Amino acid sequence: MKMDDGISIQFWLKKEAFDVSKTKKEVILDLWNGNASSSADYGRLTLEISGAAANESSIYLTLYSGSSGITRQAICSTDYDSGSLANDTWTHHTITAKAASQKLFVKYYKDGLVDNCFFN
């Protein structure tokens, strides 16, 4: 997986509530190429949700290609806290990421509405 090629993750979610007494995070997707994190060929893509407190982002992205990437980076704004995810309503989520000019550009969409992000 090369970040300059770009990635896209889409999923539907209907979640009634978070139970943080059982787990602090829930993994939606975890792709790993089997190489050690110290390897130049390391690749990992993980998307997780969390029952974070109000006004904290509850969607996190890990994306690594070789030694470049981000670890458990909050996706965009705090508008998408645990209350907006666990609303017992079907919602469509899309995350796109593309590396360019030594920067990682990430976009998050909820039901087609974009929340633009920018990571170094």
PDB file of N, CA and C in Angstrom:
ATOM      1  N   MET A   1       0.847  -1.169   0.000  1.00  0.00           N
ATOM      2  CA  MET A   1       0.000   0.000   0.000  1.00  0.00           C
ATOM      3  C   MET A   1       0.892   1.231   0.000  1.00  0.00           C
ATOM      4  N   LYS A   2       0.697   2.107  -0.946  1.00  0.00           N
ATOM      5  CA  LYS A   2       1.446   3.349  -1.012  1.00  0.00           C
ATOM      6  C   LYS A   2       0.495   4.498  -0.774  1.00  0.00           C
ATOM      7  N   MET A   3       0.843   5.376   0.165  1.00  0.00           N
ATOM      8  CA  MET A   3      -0.060   6.473   0.511  1.00  0.00           C
ATOM      9  C   MET A   3      -0.225   7.477  -0.615  1.00  0.00           C
ATOM     10  N   ASP A   4       0.762   7.581  -1.516  1.00  0.00           N
ATOM     11  CA  ASP A   4       0.591   8.544  -2.602  1.00  0.00           C
ATOM     12  C   ASP A   4      -0.431   8.053  -3.626  1.00  0.00           C
ATOM     13  N   ASP A   5      -0.795   6.767  -3.573  1.00  0.00           N
ATOM     14  CA  ASP A   5      -1.870   6.262  -4.421  1.00  0.00           C
ATOM     15  C   ASP A   5      -3.236   6.621  -3.857  1.00  0.00           C
ATOM     16  N   GLY A   6      -3.305   6.862  -2.566  1.00  0.00           N
ATOM     17  CA  GLY A   6      -4.557   7.214  -1.908  1.00  0.00           C
ATOM     18  C   GLY A   6      -5.345   5.986  -1.478  1.00  0.00           C
ATOM     19  N   ILE A   7      -6.155   6.160  -0.452  1.00  0.00           N
ATOM     20  CA  ILE A   7      -7.015   5.083   0.041  1.00  0.00           C
ATOM     21  C   ILE A   7      -8.407   5.652   0.309  1.00  0.00           C
ATOM     22  N   SER A   8      -9.371   4.759   0.345  1.00  0.00           N
ATOM     23  CA  SER A   8     -10.745   5.143   0.671  1.00  0.00           C
ATOM     24  C   SER A   8     -11.372   4.024   1.489  1.00  0.00           C
ATOM     25  N   ILE A   9     -12.033   4.380   2.571  1.00  0.00           N
ATOM     26  CA  ILE A   9     -12.756   3.436   3.415  1.00  0.00           C
ATOM     27  C   ILE A   9     -14.196   3.921   3.500  1.00  0.00           C
ATOM     28  N   GLN A  10     -15.139   3.029   3.264  1.00  0.00           N
ATOM     29  CA  GLN A  10     -16.554   3.367   3.401  1.00  0.00           C
ATOM     30  C   GLN A  10     -17.241   2.291   4.228  1.00  0.00           C
ATOM     31  N   PHE A  11     -18.156   2.711   5.094  1.00  0.00           N
ATOM     32  CA  PHE A  11     -18.923   1.749   5.865  1.00  0.00           C
ATOM     33  C   PHE A  11     -20.213   2.391   6.376  1.00  0.00           C
ATOM     34  N   TRP A  12     -21.174   1.522   6.645  1.00  0.00           N
ATOM     35  CA  TRP A  12     -22.427   1.924   7.272  1.00  0.00           C
ATOM     36  C   TRP A  12     -22.342   1.541   8.749  1.00  0.00           C
ATOM     37  N   LEU A  13     -22.923   2.381   9.617  1.00  0.00           N
ATOM     38  CA  LEU A  13     -22.893   2.105  11.051  1.00  0.00           C
ATOM     39  C   LEU A  13     -24.231   2.462  11.671  1.00  0.00           C
ATOM     40  N   LYS A  14     -24.767   1.535  12.447  1.00  0.00           N
ATOM     41  CA  LYS A  14     -25.934   1.810  13.294  1.00  0.00           C
ATOM     42  C   LYS A  14     -25.560   1.315  14.675  1.00  0.00           C
ATOM     43  N   LYS A  15     -25.267   2.235  15.550  1.00  0.00           N
ATOM     44  CA  LYS A  15     -24.775   1.904  16.880  1.00  0.00           C
ATOM     45  C   LYS A  15     -25.672   2.542  17.920  1.00  0.00           C
ATOM     46  N   GLU A  16     -26.176   1.705  18.820  1.00  0.00           N
ATOM     47  CA  GLU A  16     -27.077   2.208  19.856  1.00  0.00           C
ATOM     48  C   GLU A  16     -26.328   2.976  20.939  1.00  0.00           C
ATOM     49  N   ALA A  17     -25.212   2.395  21.413  1.00  0.00           N
ATOM     50  CA  ALA A  17     -24.463   3.036  22.500  1.00  0.00           C
ATOM     51  C   ALA A  17     -23.079   2.415  22.601  1.00  0.00           C
ATOM     52  N   PHE A  18     -22.188   3.119  23.265  1.00  0.00           N
ATOM     53  CA  PHE A  18     -20.870   2.588  23.610  1.00  0.00           C
ATOM     54  C   PHE A  18     -20.932   2.066  25.040  1.00  0.00           C
ATOM     55  N   ASP A  19     -20.258   0.985  25.310  1.00  0.00           N
ATOM     56  CA  ASP A  19     -20.128   0.463  26.667  1.00  0.00           C
ATOM     57  C   ASP A  19     -18.647   0.478  27.019  1.00  0.00           C
ATOM     58  N   VAL A  20     -18.175   1.619  27.534  1.00  0.00           N
ATOM     59  CA  VAL A  20     -16.744   1.774  27.811  1.00  0.00           C
ATOM     60  C   VAL A  20     -16.286   0.935  29.004  1.00  0.00           C
ATOM     61  N   SER A  21     -17.230   0.339  29.744  1.00  0.00           N
ATOM     62  CA  SER A  21     -16.825  -0.564  30.820  1.00  0.00           C
ATOM     63  C   SER A  21     -16.305  -1.889  30.248  1.00  0.00           C
ATOM     64  N   LYS A  22     -16.682  -2.210  28.996  1.00  0.00           N
ATOM     65  CA  LYS A  22     -16.223  -3.441  28.346  1.00  0.00           C
ATOM     66  C   LYS A  22     -15.027  -3.210  27.445  1.00  0.00           C
ATOM     67  N   THR A  23     -15.008  -2.098  26.723  1.00  0.00           N
ATOM     68  CA  THR A  23     -13.891  -1.797  25.824  1.00  0.00           C
ATOM     69  C   THR A  23     -13.831  -0.293  25.576  1.00  0.00           C
ATOM     70  N   LYS A  24     -12.634   0.205  25.406  1.00  0.00           N
ATOM     71  CA  LYS A  24     -12.453   1.637  25.155  1.00  0.00           C
ATOM     72  C   LYS A  24     -12.488   1.968  23.668  1.00  0.00           C
ATOM     73  N   LYS A  25     -12.241   0.938  22.822  1.00  0.00           N
ATOM     74  CA  LYS A  25     -12.266   1.187  21.386  1.00  0.00           C
ATOM     75  C   LYS A  25     -12.832  -0.023  20.661  1.00  0.00           C
ATOM     76  N   GLU A  26     -13.352   0.222  19.471  1.00  0.00           N
ATOM     77  CA  GLU A  26     -13.867  -0.821  18.601  1.00  0.00           C
ATOM     78  C   GLU A  26     -13.224  -0.625  17.237  1.00  0.00           C
ATOM     79  N   VAL A  27     -12.639  -1.678  16.708  1.00  0.00           N
ATOM     80  CA  VAL A  27     -11.931  -1.590  15.436  1.00  0.00           C
ATOM     81  C   VAL A  27     -12.898  -1.888  14.293  1.00  0.00           C
ATOM     82  N   ILE A  28     -12.991  -0.957  13.363  1.00  0.00           N
ATOM     83  CA  ILE A  28     -13.830  -1.119  12.172  1.00  0.00           C
ATOM     84  C   ILE A  28     -13.042  -1.875  11.100  1.00  0.00           C
ATOM     85  N   LEU A  29     -11.769  -1.523  10.949  1.00  0.00           N
ATOM     86  CA  LEU A  29     -10.921  -2.121   9.922  1.00  0.00           C
ATOM     87  C   LEU A  29      -9.483  -2.135  10.413  1.00  0.00           C
ATOM     88  N   ASP A  30      -8.792  -3.259  10.204  1.00  0.00           N
ATOM     89  CA  ASP A  30      -7.369  -3.341  10.529  1.00  0.00           C
ATOM     90  C   ASP A  30      -6.680  -4.168   9.457  1.00  0.00           C
ATOM     91  N   LEU A  31      -5.935  -3.507   8.595  1.00  0.00           N
ATOM     92  CA  LEU A  31      -5.158  -4.170   7.549  1.00  0.00           C
ATOM     93  C   LEU A  31      -3.680  -4.006   7.873  1.00  0.00           C
ATOM     94  N   TRP A  32      -2.949  -5.119   7.807  1.00  0.00           N
ATOM     95  CA  TRP A  32      -1.523  -5.107   8.105  1.00  0.00           C
ATOM     96  C   TRP A  32      -0.857  -6.068   7.138  1.00  0.00           C
ATOM     97  N   ASN A  33       0.280  -5.689   6.593  1.00  0.00           N
ATOM     98  CA  ASN A  33       0.935  -6.537   5.605  1.00  0.00           C
ATOM     99  C   ASN A  33       1.858  -7.591   6.221  1.00  0.00           C
ATOM    100  N   GLY A  34       1.917  -7.681   7.542  1.00  0.00           N
ATOM    101  CA  GLY A  34       2.709  -8.717   8.201  1.00  0.00           C
ATOM    102  C   GLY A  34       4.154  -8.357   8.444  1.00  0.00           C
ATOM    103  N   ASN A  35       4.594  -7.210   7.950  1.00  0.00           N
ATOM    104  CA  ASN A  35       5.976  -6.785   8.165  1.00  0.00           C
ATOM    105  C   ASN A  35       6.101  -6.044   9.489  1.00  0.00           C
ATOM    106  N   ALA A  36       7.281  -6.140  10.091  1.00  0.00           N
ATOM    107  CA  ALA A  36       7.547  -5.455  11.360  1.00  0.00           C
ATOM    108  C   ALA A  36       7.462  -3.944  11.178  1.00  0.00           C
ATOM    109  N   SER A  37       7.040  -3.256  12.235  1.00  0.00           N
ATOM    110  CA  SER A  37       6.912  -1.796  12.148  1.00  0.00           C
ATOM    111  C   SER A  37       8.250  -1.114  11.894  1.00  0.00           C
ATOM    112  N   SER A  38       9.354  -1.788  12.157  1.00  0.00           N
ATOM    113  CA  SER A  38      10.685  -1.229  11.890  1.00  0.00           C
ATOM    114  C   SER A  38      11.130  -1.457  10.446  1.00  0.00           C
ATOM    115  N   SER A  39      10.353  -2.206   9.668  1.00  0.00           N
ATOM    116  CA  SER A  39      10.709  -2.542   8.291  1.00  0.00           C
ATOM    117  C   SER A  39      10.373  -1.406   7.322  1.00  0.00           C
ATOM    118  N   ALA A  40      11.182  -1.249   6.290  1.00  0.00           N
ATOM    119  CA  ALA A  40      10.902  -0.258   5.243  1.00  0.00           C
ATOM    120  C   ALA A  40       9.658  -0.643   4.442  1.00  0.00           C
ATOM    121  N   ASP A  41       9.246  -1.908   4.531  1.00  0.00           N
ATOM    122  CA  ASP A  41       8.070  -2.388   3.802  1.00  0.00           C
ATOM    123  C   ASP A  41       6.821  -2.477   4.683  1.00  0.00           C
ATOM    124  N   TYR A  42       6.876  -1.913   5.886  1.00  0.00           N
ATOM    125  CA  TYR A  42       5.742  -1.964   6.819  1.00  0.00           C
ATOM    126  C   TYR A  42       4.533  -1.237   6.228  1.00  0.00           C
ATOM    127  N   GLY A  43       3.370  -1.826   6.401  1.00  0.00           N
ATOM    128  CA  GLY A  43       2.137  -1.192   5.961  1.00  0.00           C
ATOM    129  C   GLY A  43       1.015  -1.504   6.929  1.00  0.00           C
ATOM    130  N   ARG A  44       0.266  -0.475   7.337  1.00  0.00           N
ATOM    131  CA  ARG A  44      -0.845  -0.678   8.267  1.00  0.00           C
ATOM    132  C   ARG A  44      -1.906   0.371   8.027  1.00  0.00           C
ATOM    133  N   LEU A  45      -3.155  -0.092   8.071  1.00  0.00           N
ATOM    134  CA  LEU A  45      -4.324   0.785   7.962  1.00  0.00           C
ATOM    135  C   LEU A  45      -5.322   0.321   9.004  1.00  0.00           C
ATOM    136  N   THR A  46      -5.584   1.153   9.992  1.00  0.00           N
ATOM    137  CA  THR A  46      -6.523   0.815  11.055  1.00  0.00           C
ATOM    138  C   THR A  46      -7.496   1.971  11.245  1.00  0.00           C
ATOM    139  N   LEU A  47      -8.769   1.628  11.323  1.00  0.00           N
ATOM    140  CA  LEU A  47      -9.818   2.604  11.608  1.00  0.00           C
ATOM    141  C   LEU A  47     -10.557   2.116  12.837  1.00  0.00           C
ATOM    142  N   GLU A  48     -10.640   2.970  13.841  1.00  0.00           N
ATOM    143  CA  GLU A  48     -11.312   2.574  15.075  1.00  0.00           C
ATOM    144  C   GLU A  48     -12.248   3.672  15.560  1.00  0.00           C
ATOM    145  N   ILE A  49     -13.229   3.251  16.339  1.00  0.00           N
ATOM    146  CA  ILE A  49     -14.143   4.198  16.963  1.00  0.00           C
ATOM    147  C   ILE A  49     -14.022   4.038  18.470  1.00  0.00           C
ATOM    148  N   SER A  50     -14.370   5.089  19.184  1.00  0.00           N
ATOM    149  CA  SER A  50     -14.202   5.093  20.624  1.00  0.00           C
ATOM    150  C   SER A  50     -15.405   5.764  21.282  1.00  0.00           C
ATOM    151  N   GLY A  51     -15.727   5.308  22.469  1.00  0.00           N
ATOM    152  CA  GLY A  51     -16.786   5.945  23.251  1.00  0.00           C
ATOM    153  C   GLY A  51     -16.229   7.137  24.003  1.00  0.00           C
ATOM    154  N   ALA A  52     -15.541   7.992  23.282  1.00  0.00           N
ATOM    155  CA  ALA A  52     -14.880   9.158  23.877  1.00  0.00           C
ATOM    156  C   ALA A  52     -15.905  10.078  24.542  1.00  0.00           C
ATOM    157  N   ALA A  53     -15.406  10.890  25.416  1.00  0.00           N
ATOM    158  CA  ALA A  53     -16.251  11.876  26.085  1.00  0.00           C
ATOM    159  C   ALA A  53     -16.778  12.888  25.084  1.00  0.00           C
ATOM    160  N   ALA A  54     -17.827  13.576  25.478  1.00  0.00           N
ATOM    161  CA  ALA A  54     -18.375  14.642  24.628  1.00  0.00           C
ATOM    162  C   ALA A  54     -17.272  15.625  24.283  1.00  0.00           C
ATOM    163  N   ASN A  55     -17.344  16.199  23.103  1.00  0.00           N
ATOM    164  CA  ASN A  55     -16.384  17.168  22.596  1.00  0.00           C
ATOM    165  C   ASN A  55     -15.005  16.574  22.325  1.00  0.00           C
ATOM    166  N   GLU A  56     -14.926  15.261  22.188  1.00  0.00           N
ATOM    167  CA  GLU A  56     -13.705  14.606  21.737  1.00  0.00           C
ATOM    168  C   GLU A  56     -14.059  13.798  20.505  1.00  0.00           C
ATOM    169  N   SER A  57     -13.181  13.800  19.526  1.00  0.00           N
ATOM    170  CA  SER A  57     -13.413  12.984  18.340  1.00  0.00           C
ATOM    171  C   SER A  57     -13.505  11.523  18.744  1.00  0.00           C
ATOM    172  N   SER A  58     -14.324  10.759  18.050  1.00  0.00           N
ATOM    173  CA  SER A  58     -14.451   9.350  18.392  1.00  0.00           C
ATOM    174  C   SER A  58     -14.072   8.437  17.230  1.00  0.00           C
ATOM    175  N   ILE A  59     -13.476   8.993  16.175  1.00  0.00           N
ATOM    176  CA  ILE A  59     -13.009   8.202  15.040  1.00  0.00           C
ATOM    177  C   ILE A  59     -11.510   8.447  14.892  1.00  0.00           C
ATOM    178  N   TYR A  60     -10.740   7.336  14.829  1.00  0.00           N
ATOM    179  CA  TYR A  60      -9.287   7.435  14.800  1.00  0.00           C
ATOM    180  C   TYR A  60      -8.719   6.618  13.651  1.00  0.00           C
ATOM    181  N   LEU A  61      -7.675   7.149  13.024  1.00  0.00           N
ATOM    182  CA  LEU A  61      -7.048   6.518  11.876  1.00  0.00           C
ATOM    183  C   LEU A  61      -5.562   6.301  12.135  1.00  0.00           C
ATOM    184  N   THR A  62      -5.093   5.094  11.819  1.00  0.00           N
ATOM    185  CA  THR A  62      -3.671   4.792  11.776  1.00  0.00           C
ATOM    186  C   THR A  62      -3.362   4.410  10.337  1.00  0.00           C
ATOM    187  N   LEU A  63      -2.368   5.039   9.756  1.00  0.00           N
ATOM    188  CA  LEU A  63      -2.016   4.780   8.367  1.00  0.00           C
ATOM    189  C   LEU A  63      -0.504   4.884   8.231  1.00  0.00           C
ATOM    190  N   TYR A  64       0.150   3.763   7.908  1.00  0.00           N
ATOM    191  CA  TYR A  64       1.604   3.732   7.767  1.00  0.00           C
ATOM    192  C   TYR A  64       2.007   3.041   6.483  1.00  0.00           C
ATOM    193  N   SER A  65       3.005   3.625   5.817  1.00  0.00           N
ATOM    194  CA  SER A  65       3.671   3.033   4.675  1.00  0.00           C
ATOM    195  C   SER A  65       5.162   3.225   4.921  1.00  0.00           C
ATOM    196  N   GLY A  66       5.872   2.125   5.217  1.00  0.00           N
ATOM    197  CA  GLY A  66       7.272   2.247   5.597  1.00  0.00           C
ATOM    198  C   GLY A  66       7.385   2.957   6.926  1.00  0.00           C
ATOM    199  N   SER A  67       8.197   3.998   6.990  1.00  0.00           N
ATOM    200  CA  SER A  67       8.371   4.741   8.237  1.00  0.00           C
ATOM    201  C   SER A  67       7.532   6.010   8.273  1.00  0.00           C
ATOM    202  N   SER A  68       6.698   6.243   7.270  1.00  0.00           N
ATOM    203  CA  SER A  68       5.869   7.452   7.218  1.00  0.00           C
ATOM    204  C   SER A  68       4.433   7.119   7.553  1.00  0.00           C
ATOM    205  N   GLY A  69       3.825   7.991   8.339  1.00  0.00           N
ATOM    206  CA  GLY A  69       2.411   7.797   8.617  1.00  0.00           C
ATOM    207  C   GLY A  69       1.950   8.458   9.896  1.00  0.00           C
ATOM    208  N   ILE A  70       0.743   8.085  10.287  1.00  0.00           N
ATOM    209  CA  ILE A  70       0.114   8.630  11.490  1.00  0.00           C
ATOM    210  C   ILE A  70      -0.368   7.466  12.347  1.00  0.00           C
ATOM    211  N   THR A  71      -0.362   7.666  13.653  1.00  0.00           N
ATOM    212  CA  THR A  71      -0.840   6.657  14.593  1.00  0.00           C
ATOM    213  C   THR A  71      -1.986   7.222  15.401  1.00  0.00           C
ATOM    214  N   ARG A  72      -3.113   6.542  15.340  1.00  0.00           N
ATOM    215  CA  ARG A  72      -4.310   6.883  16.113  1.00  0.00           C
ATOM    216  C   ARG A  72      -4.600   8.387  16.093  1.00  0.00           C
ATOM    217  N   GLN A  73      -4.640   8.918  14.909  1.00  0.00           N
ATOM    218  CA  GLN A  73      -4.919  10.341  14.698  1.00  0.00           C
ATOM    219  C   GLN A  73      -6.439  10.543  14.700  1.00  0.00           C
ATOM    220  N   ALA A  74      -6.909  11.483  15.523  1.00  0.00           N
ATOM    221  CA  ALA A  74      -8.335  11.805  15.550  1.00  0.00           C
ATOM    222  C   ALA A  74      -8.749  12.324  14.180  1.00  0.00           C
ATOM    223  N   ILE A  75      -9.867  11.826  13.695  1.00  0.00           N
ATOM    224  CA  ILE A  75     -10.367  12.260  12.391  1.00  0.00           C
ATOM    225  C   ILE A  75     -11.166  13.531  12.590  1.00  0.00           C
ATOM    226  N   CYS A  76     -10.620  14.590  12.136  1.00  0.00           N
ATOM    227  CA  CYS A  76     -11.283  15.880  12.013  1.00  0.00           C
ATOM    228  C   CYS A  76     -11.798  16.457  13.305  1.00  0.00           C
ATOM    229  N   SER A  77     -13.027  16.891  13.271  1.00  0.00           N
ATOM    230  CA  SER A  77     -13.529  17.751  14.332  1.00  0.00           C
ATOM    231  C   SER A  77     -14.184  16.974  15.466  1.00  0.00           C
ATOM    232  N   THR A  78     -14.430  17.690  16.544  1.00  0.00           N
ATOM    233  CA  THR A  78     -15.122  17.114  17.685  1.00  0.00           C
ATOM    234  C   THR A  78     -16.632  17.073  17.452  1.00  0.00           C
ATOM    235  N   ASP A  79     -17.082  17.519  16.284  1.00  0.00           N
ATOM    236  CA  ASP A  79     -18.508  17.421  15.959  1.00  0.00           C
ATOM    237  C   ASP A  79     -18.951  15.974  15.869  1.00  0.00           C
ATOM    238  N   TYR A  80     -17.987  15.057  15.694  1.00  0.00           N
ATOM    239  CA  TYR A  80     -18.295  13.643  15.560  1.00  0.00           C
ATOM    240  C   TYR A  80     -17.843  12.912  16.806  1.00  0.00           C
ATOM    241  N   ASP A  81     -18.411  13.282  17.943  1.00  0.00           N
ATOM    242  CA  ASP A  81     -18.071  12.614  19.193  1.00  0.00           C
ATOM    243  C   ASP A  81     -18.905  11.344  19.330  1.00  0.00           C
ATOM    244  N   SER A  82     -18.769  10.652  20.450  1.00  0.00           N
ATOM    245  CA  SER A  82     -19.447   9.371  20.625  1.00  0.00           C
ATOM    246  C   SER A  82     -20.962   9.503  20.533  1.00  0.00           C
ATOM    247  N   GLY A  83     -21.513  10.630  20.946  1.00  0.00           N
ATOM    248  CA  GLY A  83     -22.958  10.833  20.870  1.00  0.00           C
ATOM    249  C   GLY A  83     -23.469  10.900  19.445  1.00  0.00           C
ATOM    250  N   SER A  84     -22.675  11.463  18.544  1.00  0.00           N
ATOM    251  CA  SER A  84     -23.117  11.538  17.151  1.00  0.00           C
ATOM    252  C   SER A  84     -22.934  10.202  16.432  1.00  0.00           C
ATOM    253  N   LEU A  85     -22.026   9.351  16.921  1.00  0.00           N
ATOM    254  CA  LEU A  85     -21.850   8.021  16.327  1.00  0.00           C
ATOM    255  C   LEU A  85     -22.872   7.027  16.870  1.00  0.00           C
ATOM    256  N   ALA A  86     -23.108   7.054  18.163  1.00  0.00           N
ATOM    257  CA  ALA A  86     -24.024   6.110  18.802  1.00  0.00           C
ATOM    258  C   ALA A  86     -25.397   6.750  18.937  1.00  0.00           C
ATOM    259  N   ASN A  87     -26.051   6.916  17.796  1.00  0.00           N
ATOM    260  CA  ASN A  87     -27.357   7.584  17.788  1.00  0.00           C
ATOM    261  C   ASN A  87     -28.480   6.653  17.332  1.00  0.00           C
ATOM    262  N   ASP A  88     -28.190   5.344  17.231  1.00  0.00           N
ATOM    263  CA  ASP A  88     -29.161   4.321  16.840  1.00  0.00           C
ATOM    264  C   ASP A  88     -29.802   4.607  15.477  1.00  0.00           C
ATOM    265  N   THR A  89     -29.032   5.237  14.605  1.00  0.00           N
ATOM    266  CA  THR A  89     -29.491   5.574  13.261  1.00  0.00           C
ATOM    267  C   THR A  89     -28.431   5.115  12.261  1.00  0.00           C
ATOM    268  N   TRP A  90     -28.875   4.565  11.128  1.00  0.00           N
ATOM    269  CA  TRP A  90     -27.925   4.180  10.088  1.00  0.00           C
ATOM    270  C   TRP A  90     -27.255   5.428   9.528  1.00  0.00           C
ATOM    271  N   THR A  91     -25.917   5.438   9.535  1.00  0.00           N
ATOM    272  CA  THR A  91     -25.151   6.543   8.959  1.00  0.00           C
ATOM    273  C   THR A  91     -24.061   5.963   8.063  1.00  0.00           C
ATOM    274  N   HIS A  92     -23.741   6.704   7.016  1.00  0.00           N
ATOM    275  CA  HIS A  92     -22.721   6.288   6.066  1.00  0.00           C
ATOM    276  C   HIS A  92     -21.464   7.112   6.323  1.00  0.00           C
ATOM    277  N   HIS A  93     -20.325   6.437   6.418  1.00  0.00           N
ATOM    278  CA  HIS A  93     -19.053   7.086   6.726  1.00  0.00           C
ATOM    279  C   HIS A  93     -18.045   6.771   5.623  1.00  0.00           C
ATOM    280  N   THR A  94     -17.295   7.788   5.218  1.00  0.00           N
ATOM    281  CA  THR A  94     -16.233   7.627   4.233  1.00  0.00           C
ATOM    282  C   THR A  94     -15.006   8.382   4.719  1.00  0.00           C
ATOM    283  N   ILE A  95     -13.867   7.740   4.646  1.00  0.00           N
ATOM    284  CA  ILE A  95     -12.590   8.379   4.957  1.00  0.00           C
ATOM    285  C   ILE A  95     -11.691   8.191   3.745  1.00  0.00           C
ATOM    286  N   THR A  96     -11.104   9.274   3.266  1.00  0.00           N
ATOM    287  CA  THR A  96     -10.136   9.193   2.179  1.00  0.00           C
ATOM    288  C   THR A  96      -8.824   9.794   2.671  1.00  0.00           C
ATOM    289  N   ALA A  97      -7.714   9.266   2.178  1.00  0.00           N
ATOM    290  CA  ALA A  97      -6.398   9.792   2.546  1.00  0.00           C
ATOM    291  C   ALA A  97      -5.477   9.689   1.342  1.00  0.00           C
ATOM    292  N   LYS A  98      -4.657  10.725   1.173  1.00  0.00           N
ATOM    293  CA  LYS A  98      -3.696  10.754   0.077  1.00  0.00           C
ATOM    294  C   LYS A  98      -2.484  11.564   0.523  1.00  0.00           C
ATOM    295  N   ALA A  99      -1.302  11.031   0.266  1.00  0.00           N
ATOM    296  CA  ALA A  99      -0.061  11.733   0.584  1.00  0.00           C
ATOM    297  C   ALA A  99       0.373  12.543  -0.621  1.00  0.00           C
ATOM    298  N   ALA A 100       0.813  13.769  -0.356  1.00  0.00           N
ATOM    299  CA  ALA A 100       1.336  14.645  -1.408  1.00  0.00           C
ATOM    300  C   ALA A 100       2.210  15.712  -0.765  1.00  0.00           C
ATOM    301  N   SER A 101       3.342  15.983  -1.369  1.00  0.00           N
ATOM    302  CA  SER A 101       4.246  17.049  -0.905  1.00  0.00           C
ATOM    303  C   SER A 101       4.579  16.917   0.577  1.00  0.00           C
ATOM    304  N   GLN A 102       4.933  15.714   1.020  1.00  0.00           N
ATOM    305  CA  GLN A 102       5.322  15.468   2.405  1.00  0.00           C
ATOM    306  C   GLN A 102       4.197  15.695   3.406  1.00  0.00           C
ATOM    307  N   LYS A 103       2.953  15.757   2.934  1.00  0.00           N
ATOM    308  CA  LYS A 103       1.810  15.954   3.817  1.00  0.00           C
ATOM    309  C   LYS A 103       0.772  14.883   3.529  1.00  0.00           C
ATOM    310  N   LEU A 104      -0.067  14.613   4.512  1.00  0.00           N
ATOM    311  CA  LEU A 104      -1.142  13.650   4.356  1.00  0.00           C
ATOM    312  C   LEU A 104      -2.462  14.399   4.408  1.00  0.00           C
ATOM    313  N   PHE A 105      -3.235  14.263   3.343  1.00  0.00           N
ATOM    314  CA  PHE A 105      -4.527  14.920   3.262  1.00  0.00           C
ATOM    315  C   PHE A 105      -5.615  13.888   3.540  1.00  0.00           C
ATOM    316  N   VAL A 106      -6.427  14.143   4.553  1.00  0.00           N
ATOM    317  CA  VAL A 106      -7.480  13.224   4.950  1.00  0.00           C
ATOM    318  C   VAL A 106      -8.810  13.954   4.896  1.00  0.00           C
ATOM    319  N   LYS A 107      -9.813  13.283   4.337  1.00  0.00           N
ATOM    320  CA  LYS A 107     -11.173  13.826   4.338  1.00  0.00           C
ATOM    321  C   LYS A 107     -12.098  12.810   4.976  1.00  0.00           C
ATOM    322  N   TYR A 108     -13.023  13.306   5.767  1.00  0.00           N
ATOM    323  CA  TYR A 108     -14.031  12.469   6.405  1.00  0.00           C
ATOM    324  C   TYR A 108     -15.404  12.966   5.969  1.00  0.00           C
ATOM    325  N   TYR A 109     -16.248  12.029   5.571  1.00  0.00           N
ATOM    326  CA  TYR A 109     -17.608  12.353   5.156  1.00  0.00           C
ATOM    327  C   TYR A 109     -18.579  11.558   6.019  1.00  0.00           C
ATOM    328  N   LYS A 110     -19.601  12.208   6.508  1.00  0.00           N
ATOM    329  CA  LYS A 110     -20.686  11.529   7.213  1.00  0.00           C
ATOM    330  C   LYS A 110     -21.965  11.843   6.456  1.00  0.00           C
ATOM    331  N   ASP A 111     -22.607  10.794   5.945  1.00  0.00           N
ATOM    332  CA  ASP A 111     -23.815  10.946   5.130  1.00  0.00           C
ATOM    333  C   ASP A 111     -23.610  11.952   4.003  1.00  0.00           C
ATOM    334  N   GLY A 112     -22.418  11.907   3.406  1.00  0.00           N
ATOM    335  CA  GLY A 112     -22.125  12.734   2.247  1.00  0.00           C
ATOM    336  C   GLY A 112     -21.629  14.140   2.558  1.00  0.00           C
ATOM    337  N   LEU A 113     -21.646  14.545   3.818  1.00  0.00           N
ATOM    338  CA  LEU A 113     -21.165  15.881   4.194  1.00  0.00           C
ATOM    339  C   LEU A 113     -19.698  15.790   4.579  1.00  0.00           C
ATOM    340  N   VAL A 114     -18.882  16.647   3.998  1.00  0.00           N
ATOM    341  CA  VAL A 114     -17.436  16.570   4.200  1.00  0.00           C
ATOM    342  C   VAL A 114     -16.992  17.408   5.389  1.00  0.00           C
ATOM    343  N   ASP A 115     -16.001  16.883   6.109  1.00  0.00           N
ATOM    344  CA  ASP A 115     -15.304  17.603   7.184  1.00  0.00           C
ATOM    345  C   ASP A 115     -13.842  17.507   6.796  1.00  0.00           C
ATOM    346  N   ASN A 116     -13.323  18.532   6.128  1.00  0.00           N
ATOM    347  CA  ASN A 116     -11.953  18.483   5.591  1.00  0.00           C
ATOM    348  C   ASN A 116     -10.913  18.450   6.702  1.00  0.00           C
ATOM    349  N   CYS A 117      -9.889  17.657   6.469  1.00  0.00           N
ATOM    350  CA  CYS A 117      -8.800  17.503   7.442  1.00  0.00           C
ATOM    351  C   CYS A 117      -7.471  17.667   6.735  1.00  0.00           C
ATOM    352  N   PHE A 118      -6.471  17.969   7.505  1.00  0.00           N
ATOM    353  CA  PHE A 118      -5.124  18.117   6.973  1.00  0.00           C
ATOM    354  C   PHE A 118      -4.147  17.691   8.044  1.00  0.00           C
ATOM    355  N   PHE A 119      -3.298  16.733   7.742  1.00  0.00           N
ATOM    356  CA  PHE A 119      -2.286  16.283   8.688  1.00  0.00           C
ATOM    357  C   PHE A 119      -0.914  16.441   8.054  1.00  0.00           C
ATOM    358  N   ASN A 120       0.083  16.777   8.846  1.00  0.00           N
ATOM    359  CA  ASN A 120       1.475  16.817   8.372  1.00  0.00           C
ATOM    360  C   ASN A 120       2.085  15.468   8.570  1.00  0.00           C
TER     361      ASN A 120
END
